[in-house]
Amino acid sequence: FSAVSSLHPPTQQKGLWHSCLHTWHRGCLVYLREMSSFSGAVPKAMVSESNGEISASVDETNRIRAALGLKPLRMDNEGKGNNDKAKEKNIEEELAKLEEEERQKDIATKLTQSRLQRQQRAKLARVKTLGEADDEDDSSTAAWLAGSRQRTAANLKKEKERAAAKAKELAEQEAEQYDSAALSGMK
């Protein structure tokens, strides 16, 4: 103790190292004082051995810890069974919740698919199929032939109108390009 107690307080020494050293020695002094008050006898534990395993009860462990000056272990026996039941209940609730979410997703997917199918059927119902179009207009071969001629004549008339419009447009463009002012310098 003489070497440890002869150290000066950190205010009289210079530097951080000396301050840390003083704090460390102070901790050692506290430990040595506690050990000097310790009787030195370690209490014997009453243990049981089975299959090479040594065990002691919590009460026995707490008795030894108290003799050594340590805090006793907490015993949470009460409510332990309720805690396990609560955990199981929480797990069951979580599983039920996940199953419900999955079921809701499945329902939403099925609703979306049926809505799309319904929209597609409605869209297709508006369009006449080839068989329906033929049945309405052409009840006989002669009627179909007459309709075909009319459609051909109508298509030819439309083509002639488009060709005439295109020719007129090209003539106007050509006239605009080469008017008398543009040709004035040519011989």
C-alpha atoms as a PDB file:
ATOM      1  CA  PHE A   1       0.000   0.000   0.000  1.00  0.00           C
ATOM      2  CA  SER A   2       2.846   2.392   0.567  1.00  0.00           C
ATOM      3  CA  ALA A   3       3.656   2.730  -3.145  1.00  0.00           C
ATOM      4  CA  VAL A   4       0.046   3.251  -4.097  1.00  0.00           C
ATOM      5  CA  SER A   5      -0.797   5.670  -1.287  1.00  0.00           C
ATOM      6  CA  SER A   6       2.282   7.821  -1.893  1.00  0.00           C
ATOM      7  CA  LEU A   7       0.962   9.103  -5.242  1.00  0.00           C
ATOM      8  CA  HIS A   8       0.047  12.738  -5.385  1.00  0.00           C
ATOM      9  CA  PRO A   9      -3.385  13.935  -6.519  1.00  0.00           C
ATOM     10  CA  PRO A  10      -3.651  14.814 -10.239  1.00  0.00           C
ATOM     11  CA  THR A  11      -3.810  18.558  -9.542  1.00  0.00           C
ATOM     12  CA  GLN A  12      -0.193  18.487  -8.380  1.00  0.00           C
ATOM     13  CA  GLN A  13       1.021  16.400 -11.329  1.00  0.00           C
ATOM     14  CA  LYS A  14       1.142  17.522 -14.919  1.00  0.00           C
ATOM     15  CA  GLY A  15      -0.459  15.820 -17.922  1.00  0.00           C
ATOM     16  CA  LEU A  16      -3.317  13.513 -18.753  1.00  0.00           C
ATOM     17  CA  TRP A  17      -1.219  10.380 -18.251  1.00  0.00           C
ATOM     18  CA  HIS A  18      -0.681  11.163 -14.590  1.00  0.00           C
ATOM     19  CA  SER A  19      -4.409  11.832 -14.110  1.00  0.00           C
ATOM     20  CA  CYS A  20      -5.325   8.469 -15.647  1.00  0.00           C
ATOM     21  CA  LEU A  21      -2.682   6.699 -13.607  1.00  0.00           C
ATOM     22  CA  HIS A  22      -4.026   8.264 -10.410  1.00  0.00           C
ATOM     23  CA  THR A  23      -7.593   7.172 -11.271  1.00  0.00           C
ATOM     24  CA  TRP A  24      -6.417   3.632 -11.971  1.00  0.00           C
ATOM     25  CA  HIS A  25      -4.532   3.446  -8.655  1.00  0.00           C
ATOM     26  CA  ARG A  26      -7.552   4.834  -6.808  1.00  0.00           C
ATOM     27  CA  GLY A  27      -9.634   1.970  -8.340  1.00  0.00           C
ATOM     28  CA  CYS A  28      -7.018  -0.530  -7.221  1.00  0.00           C
ATOM     29  CA  LEU A  29      -7.141   0.877  -3.686  1.00  0.00           C
ATOM     30  CA  VAL A  30     -10.920   0.486  -3.557  1.00  0.00           C
ATOM     31  CA  TYR A  31     -10.626  -3.111  -4.773  1.00  0.00           C
ATOM     32  CA  LEU A  32      -7.901  -3.917  -2.227  1.00  0.00           C
ATOM     33  CA  ARG A  33      -9.988  -2.463   0.610  1.00  0.00           C
ATOM     34  CA  GLU A  34     -12.957  -4.594  -0.459  1.00  0.00           C
ATOM     35  CA  MET A  35     -10.787  -7.700  -0.647  1.00  0.00           C
ATOM     36  CA  SER A  36      -9.322  -7.041   2.820  1.00  0.00           C
ATOM     37  CA  SER A  37     -12.872  -6.999   4.244  1.00  0.00           C
ATOM     38  CA  PHE A  38     -13.632 -10.292   2.446  1.00  0.00           C
ATOM     39  CA  SER A  39     -13.247 -13.227   4.808  1.00  0.00           C
ATOM     40  CA  GLY A  40     -11.541 -15.307   2.139  1.00  0.00           C
ATOM     41  CA  ALA A  41     -13.795 -18.323   2.535  1.00  0.00           C
ATOM     42  CA  VAL A  42     -15.707 -19.189  -0.621  1.00  0.00           C
ATOM     43  CA  PRO A  43     -19.020 -20.784   0.314  1.00  0.00           C
ATOM     44  CA  LYS A  44     -19.595 -24.313  -0.861  1.00  0.00           C
ATOM     45  CA  ALA A  45     -22.448 -24.811  -3.288  1.00  0.00           C
ATOM     46  CA  MET A  46     -24.863 -27.660  -2.965  1.00  0.00           C
ATOM     47  CA  VAL A  47     -25.048 -28.984  -6.505  1.00  0.00           C
ATOM     48  CA  SER A  48     -26.476 -32.026  -8.224  1.00  0.00           C
ATOM     49  CA  GLU A  49     -24.754 -34.011 -10.935  1.00  0.00           C
ATOM     50  CA  SER A  50     -26.423 -36.048 -13.651  1.00  0.00           C
ATOM     51  CA  ASN A  51     -24.929 -37.277 -16.922  1.00  0.00           C
ATOM     52  CA  GLY A  52     -21.796 -35.199 -16.369  1.00  0.00           C
ATOM     53  CA  GLU A  53     -23.796 -31.989 -15.921  1.00  0.00           C
ATOM     54  CA  ILE A  54     -23.486 -29.947 -12.722  1.00  0.00           C
ATOM     55  CA  SER A  55     -26.437 -27.785 -11.742  1.00  0.00           C
ATOM     56  CA  ALA A  56     -27.541 -25.682  -8.792  1.00  0.00           C
ATOM     57  CA  SER A  57     -30.884 -24.111  -7.992  1.00  0.00           C
ATOM     58  CA  VAL A  58     -31.446 -20.388  -8.355  1.00  0.00           C
ATOM     59  CA  ASP A  59     -31.862 -20.076  -4.574  1.00  0.00           C
ATOM     60  CA  GLU A  60     -28.513 -21.788  -3.995  1.00  0.00           C
ATOM     61  CA  THR A  61     -26.856 -19.568  -6.617  1.00  0.00           C
ATOM     62  CA  ASN A  62     -28.323 -16.448  -4.985  1.00  0.00           C
ATOM     63  CA  ARG A  63     -27.021 -17.575  -1.550  1.00  0.00           C
ATOM     64  CA  ILE A  64     -23.504 -17.904  -2.973  1.00  0.00           C
ATOM     65  CA  ARG A  65     -23.758 -14.584  -4.820  1.00  0.00           C
ATOM     66  CA  ALA A  66     -24.879 -12.837  -1.605  1.00  0.00           C
ATOM     67  CA  ALA A  67     -21.899 -14.326   0.259  1.00  0.00           C
ATOM     68  CA  LEU A  68     -19.587 -12.978  -2.463  1.00  0.00           C
ATOM     69  CA  GLY A  69     -21.210  -9.534  -2.348  1.00  0.00           C
ATOM     70  CA  LEU A  70     -22.924  -9.811  -5.730  1.00  0.00           C
ATOM     71  CA  LYS A  71     -26.507  -8.977  -6.591  1.00  0.00           C
ATOM     72  CA  PRO A  72     -28.874 -11.928  -6.547  1.00  0.00           C
ATOM     73  CA  LEU A  73     -30.376 -13.256  -9.774  1.00  0.00           C
ATOM     74  CA  ARG A  74     -33.929 -12.166 -10.542  1.00  0.00           C
ATOM     75  CA  MET A  75     -36.539 -14.869 -10.541  1.00  0.00           C
ATOM     76  CA  ASP A  76     -39.354 -14.329 -13.042  1.00  0.00           C
ATOM     77  CA  ASN A  77     -41.355 -17.454 -12.305  1.00  0.00           C
ATOM     78  CA  GLU A  78     -44.657 -15.687 -12.001  1.00  0.00           C
ATOM     79  CA  GLY A  79     -46.268 -14.902 -15.309  1.00  0.00           C
ATOM     80  CA  LYS A  80     -43.829 -17.093 -17.238  1.00  0.00           C
ATOM     81  CA  GLY A  81     -46.565 -19.472 -18.337  1.00  0.00           C
ATOM     82  CA  ASN A  82     -48.733 -16.488 -19.283  1.00  0.00           C
ATOM     83  CA  ASN A  83     -45.831 -15.018 -21.229  1.00  0.00           C
ATOM     84  CA  ASP A  84     -45.490 -18.208 -23.289  1.00  0.00           C
ATOM     85  CA  LYS A  85     -49.216 -18.241 -23.928  1.00  0.00           C
ATOM     86  CA  ALA A  86     -49.106 -14.587 -24.911  1.00  0.00           C
ATOM     87  CA  LYS A  87     -46.243 -15.278 -27.327  1.00  0.00           C
ATOM     88  CA  GLU A  88     -48.149 -18.177 -28.879  1.00  0.00           C
ATOM     89  CA  LYS A  89     -51.239 -16.001 -29.165  1.00  0.00           C
ATOM     90  CA  ASN A  90     -49.224 -13.215 -30.832  1.00  0.00           C
ATOM     91  CA  ILE A  91     -47.721 -15.694 -33.289  1.00  0.00           C
ATOM     92  CA  GLU A  92     -51.160 -17.092 -34.100  1.00  0.00           C
ATOM     93  CA  GLU A  93     -52.517 -13.568 -34.592  1.00  0.00           C
ATOM     94  CA  GLU A  94     -49.611 -12.675 -36.888  1.00  0.00           C
ATOM     95  CA  LEU A  95     -50.145 -15.844 -38.930  1.00  0.00           C
ATOM     96  CA  ALA A  96     -53.869 -15.134 -39.178  1.00  0.00           C
ATOM     97  CA  LYS A  97     -53.107 -11.562 -40.226  1.00  0.00           C
ATOM     98  CA  LEU A  98     -50.653 -12.719 -42.928  1.00  0.00           C
ATOM     99  CA  GLU A  99     -53.143 -15.303 -44.204  1.00  0.00           C
ATOM    100  CA  GLU A 100     -55.871 -12.626 -44.355  1.00  0.00           C
ATOM    101  CA  GLU A 101     -53.554 -10.254 -46.269  1.00  0.00           C
ATOM    102  CA  GLU A 102     -52.686 -13.037 -48.715  1.00  0.00           C
ATOM    103  CA  ARG A 103     -56.369 -13.874 -49.159  1.00  0.00           C
ATOM    104  CA  GLN A 104     -57.150 -10.179 -49.795  1.00  0.00           C
ATOM    105  CA  LYS A 105     -54.379 -10.022 -52.419  1.00  0.00           C
ATOM    106  CA  ASP A 106     -55.765 -13.130 -54.119  1.00  0.00           C
ATOM    107  CA  ILE A 107     -59.254 -11.634 -54.181  1.00  0.00           C
ATOM    108  CA  ALA A 108     -57.933  -8.345 -55.588  1.00  0.00           C
ATOM    109  CA  THR A 109     -56.032 -10.229 -58.306  1.00  0.00           C
ATOM    110  CA  LYS A 110     -59.090 -12.264 -59.257  1.00  0.00           C
ATOM    111  CA  LEU A 111     -61.254  -9.118 -59.360  1.00  0.00           C
ATOM    112  CA  THR A 112     -58.757  -7.384 -61.614  1.00  0.00           C
ATOM    113  CA  GLN A 113     -58.600 -10.374 -63.960  1.00  0.00           C
ATOM    114  CA  SER A 114     -62.394 -10.680 -64.197  1.00  0.00           C
ATOM    115  CA  ARG A 115     -62.741  -6.899 -64.799  1.00  0.00           C
ATOM    116  CA  LEU A 116     -60.236  -7.103 -67.674  1.00  0.00           C
ATOM    117  CA  GLN A 117     -62.003 -10.133 -69.149  1.00  0.00           C
ATOM    118  CA  ARG A 118     -65.366  -8.351 -68.907  1.00  0.00           C
ATOM    119  CA  GLN A 119     -63.961  -5.267 -70.650  1.00  0.00           C
ATOM    120  CA  GLN A 120     -62.431  -7.424 -73.372  1.00  0.00           C
ATOM    121  CA  ARG A 121     -65.721  -9.288 -73.952  1.00  0.00           C
ATOM    122  CA  ALA A 122     -67.607  -5.962 -74.128  1.00  0.00           C
ATOM    123  CA  LYS A 123     -65.106  -4.617 -76.647  1.00  0.00           C
ATOM    124  CA  LEU A 124     -65.385  -7.732 -78.780  1.00  0.00           C
ATOM    125  CA  ALA A 125     -69.199  -7.683 -78.579  1.00  0.00           C
ATOM    126  CA  ARG A 126     -69.245  -4.305 -80.373  1.00  0.00           C
ATOM    127  CA  VAL A 127     -67.339  -5.705 -83.367  1.00  0.00           C
ATOM    128  CA  LYS A 128     -69.179  -7.847 -85.896  1.00  0.00           C
ATOM    129  CA  THR A 129     -67.465 -11.071 -86.829  1.00  0.00           C
ATOM    130  CA  LEU A 130     -66.983 -12.029 -90.481  1.00  0.00           C
ATOM    131  CA  GLY A 131     -69.770 -14.576 -90.322  1.00  0.00           C
ATOM    132  CA  GLU A 132     -72.237 -12.056 -88.853  1.00  0.00           C
ATOM    133  CA  ALA A 133     -71.352  -9.387 -91.426  1.00  0.00           C
ATOM    134  CA  ASP A 134     -71.785 -11.828 -94.310  1.00  0.00           C
ATOM    135  CA  ASP A 135     -75.111 -13.152 -92.987  1.00  0.00           C
ATOM    136  CA  GLU A 136     -76.745  -9.734 -92.700  1.00  0.00           C
ATOM    137  CA  ASP A 137     -75.783  -8.226 -96.060  1.00  0.00           C
ATOM    138  CA  ASP A 138     -75.456 -11.176 -98.358  1.00  0.00           C
ATOM    139  CA  SER A 139     -78.286 -13.640 -98.160  1.00  0.00           C
ATOM    140  CA  SER A 140     -77.551 -15.024-101.620  1.00  0.00           C
ATOM    141  CA  THR A 141     -74.697 -15.205-104.089  1.00  0.00           C
ATOM    142  CA  ALA A 142     -76.341 -12.710-106.402  1.00  0.00           C
ATOM    143  CA  ALA A 143     -76.765 -10.205-103.550  1.00  0.00           C
ATOM    144  CA  TRP A 144     -73.146 -10.675-102.537  1.00  0.00           C
ATOM    145  CA  LEU A 145     -72.006 -10.147-106.117  1.00  0.00           C
ATOM    146  CA  ALA A 146     -74.051  -6.945-106.403  1.00  0.00           C
ATOM    147  CA  GLY A 147     -72.661  -5.663-103.093  1.00  0.00           C
ATOM    148  CA  SER A 148     -69.150  -6.502-104.168  1.00  0.00           C
ATOM    149  CA  ARG A 149     -69.587  -4.559-107.419  1.00  0.00           C
ATOM    150  CA  GLN A 150     -70.959  -1.562-105.517  1.00  0.00           C
ATOM    151  CA  ARG A 151     -68.053  -1.656-103.071  1.00  0.00           C
ATOM    152  CA  THR A 152     -65.597  -1.919-105.957  1.00  0.00           C
ATOM    153  CA  ALA A 153     -67.249   1.002-107.777  1.00  0.00           C
ATOM    154  CA  ALA A 154     -67.191   3.093-104.608  1.00  0.00           C
ATOM    155  CA  ASN A 155     -63.530   2.263-104.055  1.00  0.00           C
ATOM    156  CA  LEU A 156     -62.670   3.194-107.658  1.00  0.00           C
ATOM    157  CA  LYS A 157     -64.522   6.494-107.319  1.00  0.00           C
ATOM    158  CA  LYS A 158     -62.610   7.302-104.111  1.00  0.00           C
ATOM    159  CA  GLU A 159     -59.308   6.417-105.783  1.00  0.00           C
ATOM    160  CA  LYS A 160     -60.099   8.677-108.769  1.00  0.00           C
ATOM    161  CA  GLU A 161     -60.974  11.560-106.432  1.00  0.00           C
ATOM    162  CA  ARG A 162     -57.710  11.087-104.515  1.00  0.00           C
ATOM    163  CA  ALA A 163     -55.708  10.943-107.774  1.00  0.00           C
ATOM    164  CA  ALA A 164     -57.385  14.116-109.079  1.00  0.00           C
ATOM    165  CA  ALA A 165     -56.692  15.941-105.804  1.00  0.00           C
ATOM    166  CA  LYS A 166     -53.064  14.828-105.873  1.00  0.00           C
ATOM    167  CA  ALA A 167     -52.636  15.934-109.505  1.00  0.00           C
ATOM    168  CA  LYS A 168     -54.147  19.336-108.724  1.00  0.00           C
ATOM    169  CA  GLU A 169     -51.857  19.736-105.708  1.00  0.00           C
ATOM    170  CA  LEU A 170     -48.761  18.855-107.747  1.00  0.00           C
ATOM    171  CA  ALA A 171     -49.783  21.311-110.498  1.00  0.00           C
ATOM    172  CA  GLU A 172     -50.170  24.094-107.920  1.00  0.00           C
ATOM    173  CA  GLN A 173     -46.773  23.341-106.419  1.00  0.00           C
ATOM    174  CA  GLU A 174     -45.162  23.349-109.862  1.00  0.00           C
ATOM    175  CA  ALA A 175     -46.839  26.623-110.763  1.00  0.00           C
ATOM    176  CA  GLU A 176     -45.586  28.222-107.572  1.00  0.00           C
ATOM    177  CA  GLN A 177     -42.033  27.071-108.189  1.00  0.00           C
ATOM    178  CA  TYR A 178     -41.673  28.336-111.761  1.00  0.00           C
ATOM    179  CA  ASP A 179     -43.613  31.577-112.152  1.00  0.00           C
ATOM    180  CA  SER A 180     -42.582  34.395-114.463  1.00  0.00           C
ATOM    181  CA  ALA A 181     -40.345  36.043-111.845  1.00  0.00           C
ATOM    182  CA  ALA A 182     -38.321  32.863-111.412  1.00  0.00           C
ATOM    183  CA  LEU A 183     -37.913  32.429-115.154  1.00  0.00           C
ATOM    184  CA  SER A 184     -37.046  36.057-115.951  1.00  0.00           C
ATOM    185  CA  GLY A 185     -33.316  35.496-116.028  1.00  0.00           C
ATOM    186  CA  MET A 186     -33.429  32.412-118.269  1.00  0.00           C
ATOM    187  CA  LYS A 187     -33.033  32.553-122.065  1.00  0.00           C
END
